[in-house]
Structure formats: structure tokens, C-alpha cells
Protein backbone atom coordinates (compact mmCIF):
# COMPACT_ATOMS: atom_id res chain seq x y z
CA UNK A 1 119.09 118.51 129.27
CA UNK A 2 115.89 120.42 129.91
CA UNK A 3 113.40 118.78 132.26
CA UNK A 4 110.62 116.97 130.34
CA UNK A 5 107.94 118.70 132.43
CA UNK A 6 108.99 122.01 130.90
CA UNK A 7 107.73 120.81 127.49
CA UNK A 8 104.21 120.41 128.86
CA UNK A 9 103.88 124.18 129.28
CA UNK A 10 103.92 124.53 125.47
CA UNK A 11 101.08 122.07 124.91
CA UNK A 12 97.53 121.67 126.20
CA UNK A 13 96.77 118.55 128.14
CA UNK A 14 93.35 116.90 128.43
CA UNK A 15 93.30 114.20 131.11
CA UNK A 16 96.43 112.17 130.32
CA UNK A 17 96.59 113.16 126.63
CA UNK A 18 98.87 115.88 125.29
CA UNK A 19 97.36 117.84 122.39
CA UNK A 20 99.51 118.80 119.43
CA UNK A 21 97.52 121.62 117.88
CA UNK A 22 97.65 123.06 114.37
CA UNK A 23 95.68 126.16 113.30
CA UNK A 24 94.95 126.35 109.56
CA UNK A 25 93.12 128.97 107.52
CA UNK A 26 92.28 126.40 104.85
CA UNK A 27 92.64 122.60 104.51
CA UNK A 28 94.94 123.14 101.49
CA UNK A 29 97.61 124.52 103.87
CA UNK A 30 98.29 121.03 105.19
CA UNK A 31 99.29 119.54 101.82
CA UNK A 32 102.41 119.79 99.74
CA UNK A 33 101.37 122.18 96.92
CA UNK A 34 103.52 120.27 94.39
CA UNK A 35 101.75 116.96 95.01
CA UNK A 36 98.97 116.40 92.44
CA UNK A 37 97.59 113.33 94.26
CA UNK A 38 94.05 113.46 95.62
CA UNK A 39 93.36 113.20 99.36
CA UNK A 40 94.12 110.96 101.24
CA UNK A 41 97.22 110.11 99.15
CA UNK A 42 98.51 113.69 99.24
CA UNK A 43 101.78 114.31 101.06
CA UNK A 44 101.97 116.90 103.81
CA UNK A 45 103.74 120.22 103.43
CA UNK A 46 107.29 120.29 104.79
CA UNK A 47 106.46 122.80 107.57
CA UNK A 48 103.48 120.74 108.77
CA UNK A 49 105.51 117.52 108.69
CA UNK A 50 108.37 119.09 110.66
CA UNK A 51 106.02 120.66 113.21
CA UNK A 52 104.26 117.35 113.89
CA UNK A 53 107.50 115.35 113.96
CA UNK A 54 109.26 117.81 116.30
CA UNK A 55 106.25 118.03 118.62
CA UNK A 56 105.97 114.24 118.90
CA UNK A 57 109.74 114.07 119.45
CA UNK A 58 109.40 116.37 122.47
CA UNK A 59 107.78 113.56 124.47
CA UNK A 60 108.59 109.96 125.39
CA UNK A 61 106.99 107.53 122.96
CA UNK A 62 104.76 106.22 125.76
CA UNK A 63 103.01 109.62 126.09
CA UNK A 64 99.38 109.72 124.94
CA UNK A 65 99.28 112.25 122.11
CA UNK A 66 96.47 113.59 119.96
CA UNK A 67 96.80 115.78 116.90
CA UNK A 68 94.14 118.51 116.79
CA UNK A 69 93.68 120.47 113.57
CA UNK A 70 91.62 123.68 113.76
CA UNK A 71 89.90 124.78 110.55
CA UNK A 72 87.29 127.38 109.61
CA UNK A 73 83.74 126.09 110.07
CA UNK A 74 83.03 126.13 106.31
CA UNK A 75 85.92 123.68 105.65
CA UNK A 76 84.73 121.01 108.06
CA UNK A 77 82.37 119.28 105.59
CA UNK A 78 84.92 119.04 102.77
CA UNK A 79 85.95 115.54 101.67
CA UNK A 80 89.64 116.28 102.33
CA UNK A 81 88.82 117.03 105.99
CA UNK A 82 86.89 113.79 106.41
CA UNK A 83 89.99 111.87 105.28
CA UNK A 84 92.53 114.01 107.14
CA UNK A 85 93.50 111.27 109.59
CA UNK A 86 94.15 108.92 106.63
CA UNK A 87 96.15 111.62 104.83
CA UNK A 88 98.39 112.11 107.86
CA UNK A 89 98.80 108.37 108.48
CA UNK A 90 99.54 107.70 104.79
CA UNK A 91 102.14 110.46 104.76
CA UNK A 92 103.97 109.09 107.79
CA UNK A 93 103.73 105.51 106.53
CA UNK A 94 105.43 106.79 103.38
CA UNK A 95 108.07 108.56 105.55
CA UNK A 96 108.60 105.27 107.44
CA UNK A 97 109.18 103.38 104.18
CA UNK A 98 111.45 106.16 102.90
CA UNK A 99 113.52 106.13 106.12
CA UNK A 100 113.86 102.33 105.99
CA UNK A 101 115.08 102.62 102.39
CA UNK A 102 117.59 105.35 103.36
CA UNK A 103 118.80 103.20 106.27
CA UNK A 104 119.24 100.20 103.95
CA UNK A 105 121.17 102.34 101.43
CA UNK A 106 123.37 103.78 104.21
CA UNK A 107 124.27 100.31 105.47
CA UNK A 108 124.92 99.07 101.91
CA UNK A 109 127.27 102.03 101.47
CA UNK A 110 128.80 101.16 104.87
CA UNK A 111 129.52 97.59 103.73
CA UNK A 112 131.28 98.90 100.60
CA UNK A 113 133.22 101.42 102.72
CA UNK A 114 134.15 98.62 105.13
CA UNK A 115 135.50 96.43 102.30
CA UNK A 116 137.51 99.37 100.93
CA UNK A 117 138.73 100.34 104.41
CA UNK A 118 139.83 96.81 105.33
CA UNK A 119 141.61 96.41 101.97
CA UNK A 120 143.40 99.73 102.40
CA UNK A 121 144.29 98.92 106.02
CA UNK A 122 145.70 95.55 104.91
CA UNK A 123 147.84 97.30 102.27
CA UNK A 124 149.16 99.85 104.78
CA UNK A 125 149.97 97.08 107.29
CA UNK A 126 151.74 95.09 104.57
CA UNK A 127 153.75 98.17 103.54
CA UNK A 128 154.49 98.79 107.21
CA UNK A 129 155.89 95.26 107.59
CA UNK A 130 158.03 95.66 104.48
CA UNK A 131 159.47 98.95 105.76
CA UNK A 132 160.10 97.33 109.18
CA UNK A 133 162.58 94.95 107.48
CA UNK A 134 164.68 97.90 106.34
CA UNK A 135 167.24 99.59 108.62
CA UNK A 136 165.80 101.66 111.47
CA UNK A 137 165.95 105.31 110.52
CA UNK A 138 163.85 108.29 111.54
CA UNK A 139 162.37 108.53 108.03
CA UNK A 140 161.39 104.84 108.00
CA UNK A 141 159.79 105.18 111.43
CA UNK A 142 157.82 108.27 110.32
CA UNK A 143 156.61 106.43 107.19
CA UNK A 144 155.62 103.32 109.19
CA UNK A 145 153.65 105.32 111.76
CA UNK A 146 152.06 107.46 109.05
CA UNK A 147 150.93 104.36 107.15
CA UNK A 148 149.46 102.90 110.33
CA UNK A 149 147.52 106.10 111.08
CA UNK A 150 146.30 106.45 107.48
CA UNK A 151 145.13 102.82 107.48
CA UNK A 152 143.05 103.28 110.63
CA UNK A 153 141.69 106.64 109.44
CA UNK A 154 140.40 104.83 106.34
CA UNK A 155 138.35 102.64 108.70
CA UNK A 156 136.68 105.61 110.41
CA UNK A 157 133.72 106.04 108.02
CA UNK A 158 132.57 102.39 108.01
CA UNK A 159 133.03 102.15 111.76
CA UNK A 160 131.06 105.37 112.19
CA UNK A 161 128.23 104.06 109.99
CA UNK A 162 127.88 100.75 111.84
CA UNK A 163 128.26 102.18 115.35
CA UNK A 164 126.42 105.50 115.12
CA UNK A 165 124.41 106.01 111.90
CA UNK A 166 121.58 103.67 112.85
CA UNK A 167 120.49 105.71 115.90
CA UNK A 168 118.94 108.71 114.07
CA UNK A 169 117.17 106.34 111.67
CA UNK A 170 115.78 104.31 114.55
CA UNK A 171 114.56 107.42 116.38
CA UNK A 172 112.86 108.76 113.23
CA UNK A 173 111.15 105.41 112.63
CA UNK A 174 109.80 105.32 116.19
CA UNK A 175 108.42 108.86 115.86
CA UNK A 176 106.81 108.16 112.46
CA UNK A 177 105.26 104.94 113.75
CA UNK A 178 103.91 106.81 116.79
CA UNK A 179 102.32 109.44 114.52
CA UNK A 180 100.69 106.70 112.42
CA UNK A 181 98.81 105.50 115.51
CA UNK A 182 97.90 108.93 116.92
CA UNK A 183 94.29 110.07 117.09
CA UNK A 184 93.57 113.01 114.75
CA UNK A 185 90.72 115.41 115.56
CA UNK A 186 89.44 118.25 113.41
CA UNK A 187 87.69 121.10 115.21
CA UNK A 188 86.32 124.48 114.17
CA UNK A 189 88.74 127.36 114.66
CA UNK A 190 86.51 128.82 117.37
CA UNK A 191 87.28 125.70 119.44
CA UNK A 192 90.84 127.02 119.75
CA UNK A 193 89.67 130.28 121.18
CA UNK A 194 90.43 132.11 117.92
CA UNK A 195 88.24 134.90 116.60
């Protein structure tokens, strides 16, 4: 794994705060163009969301982060800009709720898969016991072992859900919650050294 210090070279740092910077030509670039909601209820565009999420994910959750959005001077007095921090927080609160719902649905599906898997495993074990009462032949042994393998393979998906599926959800939730508490600053484009 790459050393964490190497990520710092891609981001500016002011005192102990890492800046996640976004350069926009217009405030409308930040929003999802299909969302008719007014600011601050508007959802963010997919590229903006991914950029912010990936940037925050580059650092431990204990890192002080600030999101800095650079806009042309003439955009700075627009109402949408004044509510930009709320727009970003609302978006990631929505993403938090959406992720919790997906996690709940995944575990509900896992419980159904577990019930099906246990039932199927029980049937294969029962069939295995019935075949074990018959004379020992190569064919019977192949069938018994095949049933045993098939029964445990049927358990793989529910086991996978309960042991591993929660980790990506948990990581996403932590990142979204971190973004909801981040400071958001809006500065004129010239503040980024742009022409």
C-alpha cells in the first residue's frame, strides 16, 4: 500500500488542514443537471460527488479537511453560492440515508439467502444420509460428496453477505458523515492562481 504521506503531495495544506479544491467555471457545474430542485436541495453532479468522496477517502477520517470551491468573481453573490455548504451537506446526508437503505436491503436479502441456503444444505445432508445407508460404491460416494459440496456452496452467498458485505457500506457511511461536517469555502477563481 502506498504511504499516506504521498497523498499529501496532491493536495494543498494550510496549517493542519488539507484542502480539497474544486475549480468551476459556473456554479451550475456542481449540480446534477437532471435535478429540478432549487438550491440547497439540489443533488450534486456524479463527477463532483465522486471527486469529493474519493478525495476524502484518501485520508484517515481524523484528518482535518476543508472543501474549497473556486468560482468566477461574478458568481460569488448568487444565492446558490451562499447556500453551497448546505447543498453539499444535504447531498451527502441523502447519500448517507441511501447507503443505510441499501445496507438494510442487502442484509434483508442475506437473511432470505441464509434461510434458502440452510434449507438446501439440510436437504443435501438428508439425501447424503439416505445414500450412506446404501451399499458402498464409487457412484454412491461421488454422489454423497457432490451433495455435500453443493450444500455448502449454497451457503456461500449468505455467509459472504454477513461476513464481508457490511465493510464497504460502513466505509462509505464514515466518508459521507465526514463530508457532512467538513468546512466548505467559496473563493474567487483568482485565489487559486488561475487567470
